[in-house]
Protein backbone atom coordinates (compact mmCIF):
# COMPACT_ATOMS: atom_id res chain seq x y z
CA MET A 1 14.10 9.64 -7.79
CA PHE A 2 10.97 8.42 -9.54
CA PHE A 3 10.14 4.81 -9.99
CA PRO A 4 7.39 3.63 -12.43
CA VAL A 5 4.56 1.71 -11.01
CA ASP A 6 4.13 -2.07 -11.89
CA ASP A 7 1.60 -2.36 -14.76
CA HIS A 8 -0.12 -5.01 -12.70
CA ALA A 9 -0.22 -3.14 -9.38
CA GLY A 10 -3.90 -2.17 -9.81
CA THR A 11 -3.23 1.55 -9.44
CA SER A 12 -3.59 4.27 -12.10
CA LEU A 13 -0.62 6.31 -10.89
CA PRO A 14 1.92 7.11 -13.58
CA ASN A 15 4.89 7.12 -11.21
CA ASP A 16 5.87 5.67 -7.88
CA PRO A 17 8.22 8.23 -6.15
CA CYS A 18 9.68 5.83 -3.62
CA ARG A 19 13.32 6.45 -2.58
CA ASN A 20 16.03 4.07 -1.50
CA SER A 21 16.10 2.85 2.11
CA GLN A 22 19.06 4.98 3.15
CA SER A 23 16.98 8.25 3.36
CA ALA A 24 14.52 10.05 5.51
CA VAL A 25 13.70 7.48 8.17
CA GLU A 26 17.26 6.97 9.33
CA SER A 27 17.85 10.74 9.48
CA SER A 28 14.61 11.53 11.38
CA ALA A 29 13.88 8.45 13.49
CA GLY A 30 14.72 9.36 17.10
CA SER A 31 15.74 12.93 16.29
CA GLY A 32 12.59 14.50 17.51
CA ARG A 33 12.00 16.41 14.34
CA PRO A 34 9.38 15.98 11.69
CA PHE A 35 10.24 14.89 8.09
CA PRO A 36 10.68 18.15 6.03
CA VAL A 37 7.75 18.65 3.79
CA SER A 38 7.27 21.13 0.93
CA ARG A 39 4.18 21.85 -0.91
CA GLN A 40 4.27 21.67 -4.74
CA ARG A 41 1.21 21.90 -6.96
CA GLY A 42 -1.17 20.92 -4.13
CA ARG A 43 0.44 17.74 -2.92
CA ALA A 44 3.11 17.02 -0.27
CA THR A 45 6.56 16.08 -1.38
CA THR A 46 9.38 15.19 0.97
CA GLU A 47 12.66 17.02 0.44
CA PRO A 48 15.35 14.28 0.35
CA TYR A 49 18.00 14.13 3.06
CA PRO A 50 21.58 13.61 1.86
CA LEU A 51 22.40 9.88 1.66
CA PRO A 52 25.00 8.48 4.05
CA GLU A 53 28.48 8.33 2.52
CA GLY A 54 28.34 4.61 1.89
CA ASP A 55 24.98 4.73 0.08
CA ARG A 56 25.59 7.45 -2.53
CA ASN A 57 25.57 4.91 -5.40
CA ALA A 58 22.28 3.25 -4.32
CA THR A 59 19.39 4.30 -6.50
CA THR A 60 16.06 2.98 -7.54
CA THR A 61 16.96 3.01 -11.16
CA THR A 62 18.80 -0.33 -10.81
CA LEU A 63 15.38 -2.20 -10.47
CA ARG A 64 12.78 -2.81 -13.12
CA PRO A 65 9.16 -2.07 -12.08
CA HIS A 66 8.08 -5.77 -11.73
CA GLN A 67 10.91 -6.35 -9.20
CA GLN A 68 9.49 -3.79 -6.70
CA ARG A 69 6.78 -6.10 -5.48
CA LYS A 70 6.13 -6.02 -1.83
CA GLU A 71 4.31 -3.15 -0.06
CA GLY A 72 4.19 -2.85 3.71
CA ASP A 73 2.36 -0.86 6.34
CA LEU A 74 0.69 -0.99 9.80
CA ILE A 75 -2.93 -0.81 10.85
CA VAL A 76 -2.93 0.70 14.34
CA GLY A 77 -5.19 0.73 17.33
CA PRO A 78 -6.23 3.68 19.63
CA HIS A 79 -3.47 6.16 20.47
CA ASN A 80 -0.97 4.05 18.47
CA ARG A 81 -0.65 1.58 21.35
CA SER A 82 -1.17 -1.54 19.26
CA ALA A 83 -0.61 -2.52 15.68
CA ILE A 84 -0.73 -5.24 13.03
CA GLY A 85 1.84 -5.39 10.24
CA THR A 86 0.71 -5.89 6.72
CA LEU A 87 2.51 -6.98 3.59
CA VAL A 88 0.98 -7.12 0.18
CA GLU A 89 2.28 -8.57 -3.11
CA ARG A 90 1.39 -5.96 -5.72
CA GLN A 91 0.62 -8.15 -8.77
CA THR A 92 -1.49 -10.82 -6.93
CA ARG A 93 -2.74 -8.81 -3.93
CA TYR A 94 -1.58 -11.63 -1.68
CA VAL A 95 -1.61 -10.53 1.95
CA LYS A 96 0.60 -11.54 4.85
CA LEU A 97 -0.14 -10.25 8.34
CA LEU A 98 2.46 -9.68 11.02
CA HIS A 99 1.75 -10.25 14.65
CA LEU A 100 3.31 -7.48 16.76
CA PRO A 101 3.43 -7.99 20.57
CA ALA A 102 4.24 -4.17 20.79
CA HIS A 103 4.11 -1.18 18.39
CA ASN A 104 7.85 -0.39 18.01
CA SER A 105 10.69 -0.74 15.55
CA LEU A 106 12.22 -3.73 17.46
CA GLU A 107 9.07 -5.86 17.14
CA LEU A 108 8.58 -4.93 13.43
CA HIS A 109 12.06 -5.81 12.65
CA ALA A 110 11.75 -9.18 14.19
CA ALA A 111 8.31 -9.77 12.47
CA LEU A 112 9.64 -8.78 9.08
CA VAL A 113 12.70 -11.05 9.33
CA ARG A 114 10.38 -13.96 10.16
CA ALA A 115 7.96 -13.14 7.43
CA PHE A 116 10.60 -12.71 4.74
CA GLY A 117 12.14 -16.00 5.79
CA GLN A 118 8.85 -17.71 4.89
CA LEU A 119 8.58 -16.10 1.50
CA PRO A 120 9.86 -17.61 -1.76
CA PRO A 121 12.96 -15.91 -3.19
CA PRO A 122 11.17 -13.88 -5.88
CA LEU A 123 9.14 -12.10 -3.19
CA ARG A 124 12.14 -11.13 -0.98
CA ARG A 125 13.80 -8.64 -3.21
CA THR A 126 12.19 -5.38 -2.20
CA LEU A 127 9.85 -3.74 0.30
CA THR A 128 8.09 -0.38 -0.20
CA ARG A 129 7.08 1.45 3.02
CA ASP A 130 6.04 4.79 4.26
CA GLN A 131 8.27 6.92 6.49
CA GLY A 132 6.96 5.80 9.93
CA THR A 133 9.56 5.73 12.78
CA GLU A 134 8.68 2.01 13.26
CA MET A 135 11.08 1.48 10.26
CA ALA A 136 14.01 3.01 12.15
CA ARG A 137 15.82 -0.31 11.98
CA HIS A 138 15.55 -0.63 8.19
CA LEU A 139 19.22 -1.16 7.77
CA ASP A 140 19.12 -4.13 10.10
CA ILE A 141 16.06 -5.45 8.16
CA THR A 142 18.01 -5.20 4.86
CA ALA A 143 21.09 -6.92 6.44
CA ASP A 144 18.96 -9.78 7.85
CA THR A 145 16.60 -10.38 4.87
CA GLY A 146 18.52 -9.13 1.80
CA ALA A 147 15.52 -7.08 0.81
CA ARG A 148 16.12 -3.55 -0.54
CA ILE A 149 13.76 -1.09 1.26
CA TYR A 150 12.21 1.93 -0.45
CA PHE A 151 10.29 4.83 1.15
CA CYS A 152 7.44 6.74 -0.43
CA ASP A 153 6.94 10.55 -0.09
CA ALA A 154 5.49 11.78 3.15
CA ALA A 155 1.65 11.88 3.40
CA SER A 156 1.38 9.96 0.05
CA PRO A 157 -0.30 6.58 0.88
CA TRP A 158 -1.56 6.34 -2.72
CA GLN A 159 2.00 5.46 -3.64
CA ARG A 160 1.37 2.10 -1.96
CA GLY A 161 -2.08 1.65 -3.48
CA SER A 162 -2.36 -2.12 -3.25
CA ASN A 163 -1.45 -2.03 0.51
CA GLU A 164 -3.88 0.81 1.21
CA ASN A 165 -6.65 -1.20 -0.45
CA ALA A 166 -5.78 -4.22 1.58
CA ASN A 167 -5.79 -2.17 4.78
CA GLY A 168 -9.34 -1.12 4.02
CA LEU A 169 -10.38 -4.79 3.68
CA LEU A 170 -8.65 -5.63 6.92
CA ARG A 171 -10.72 -3.03 8.81
CA GLN A 172 -13.63 -5.41 8.21
CA TYR A 173 -11.94 -7.77 10.68
CA PHE A 174 -10.12 -5.19 12.87
CA PRO A 175 -12.31 -2.17 13.18
CA LYS A 176 -10.81 1.28 13.91
CA SER A 177 -10.70 2.37 17.54
CA THR A 178 -10.35 -1.29 18.80
CA ASP A 179 -7.41 -2.65 20.71
CA LEU A 180 -5.46 -4.76 18.22
CA SER A 181 -3.27 -6.38 20.82
CA ILE A 182 -6.07 -8.81 21.74
CA HIS A 183 -5.64 -10.70 18.42
CA THR A 184 -3.27 -13.70 18.43
CA ALA A 185 -1.03 -14.91 15.69
CA ARG A 186 -3.57 -17.61 15.13
CA ASP A 187 -6.30 -14.99 14.65
CA LEU A 188 -4.18 -13.18 12.05
CA ALA A 189 -3.40 -16.45 10.20
CA ARG A 190 -7.09 -17.16 9.86
CA VAL A 191 -7.88 -13.68 8.55
CA GLU A 192 -4.85 -13.87 6.15
CA SER A 193 -6.17 -17.25 4.87
CA GLU A 194 -9.65 -15.95 4.31
CA LEU A 195 -8.58 -12.80 2.47
CA ASN A 196 -6.16 -14.75 0.17
CA GLY A 197 -8.90 -17.18 -0.61
CA ARG A 198 -11.52 -14.50 -1.46
CA PRO A 199 -12.12 -14.02 -5.17
CA ARG A 200 -11.46 -10.36 -6.17
CA ILE A 201 -13.12 -8.34 -8.98
CA VAL A 202 -9.80 -6.54 -9.64
CA LEU A 203 -8.20 -9.99 -10.19
CA GLY A 204 -10.87 -11.20 -12.62
CA ASP A 205 -12.73 -13.16 -9.89
CA ARG A 206 -9.65 -15.09 -9.12
CA THR A 207 -8.14 -15.38 -5.71
CA PRO A 208 -4.73 -13.94 -4.56
CA HIS A 209 -3.56 -17.45 -3.50
CA GLU A 210 -4.43 -18.78 -7.00
CA LEU A 211 -2.54 -15.98 -8.75
CA LEU A 212 0.37 -16.21 -6.40
CA GLN A 213 0.83 -19.99 -7.10
CA ALA A 214 0.63 -19.28 -10.86
CA LEU A 215 3.18 -16.45 -10.55
CA LEU A 216 5.65 -18.57 -8.65
CA THR A 217 5.24 -21.45 -11.09
CA SER A 218 5.98 -19.10 -14.07
CA GLU A 219 9.20 -17.93 -12.44
CA LYS A 220 10.71 -21.34 -11.80
C-alpha cells in the first residue's frame, strides 16, 4: 500500500509507503529471522507478510494524508544498550521525548501509552514507525491508546523525514557513542522544551510550540 505524504510534512517525497500495523513486526519480532528485503530499482522494499486473519480489511487507504501525523523512532546509545524515544508531529515539527529505563518493547510500550495520554485527541490518531523489534507490542499500544500504527519499508528512514530531521537535532544534545541511560526524564523535558521553543527556518522562523497551539486552536 502507498500512502501520500502530508503536504506540510517538510519532505519532497511523492509517496509514503507505510503499511498498516498488522504486518512485518508482528511476524518477525522474536522469530530470529530478518525482515525479507528485495531490491527494486536501487532501493530496498520490504515484501509484505500476509495480514493476520482479523486484519485483512485494515488498510491505509481509509486515512487522509493530514491524519497520519505522528512519526516515531529511537536514538540509541553504544551497542543498543540505551535509548531515547522520539515522537514528532509532522506539520509543526513538535517533538516529544520518551524516557526509557531500558531498551526493549515493554518499556517503549509503557512510554508510548503515557505520552499519548498527554496528547490532545487530534494527535492521537496514528503513529508511523520503522520496523524495529522494539515495536513488537504494537497491538497492545493500539489497544491502549487507540492510535493506528503504520510501518515504513525496511531501510527507508526517509519515509519518516520529519522524525529523522529531529533526530539529527537531538544529537546536538545526545551525541552518538554516549550512554543515553544517564539522562533523566527531567533532562529530556528540558531538551524537549528548548527544541520546541527554537524558531525554525523550515517553519518560517516560527517555533514548533507556536504552530502546534495554532493548529490545535484551528481544530476546535
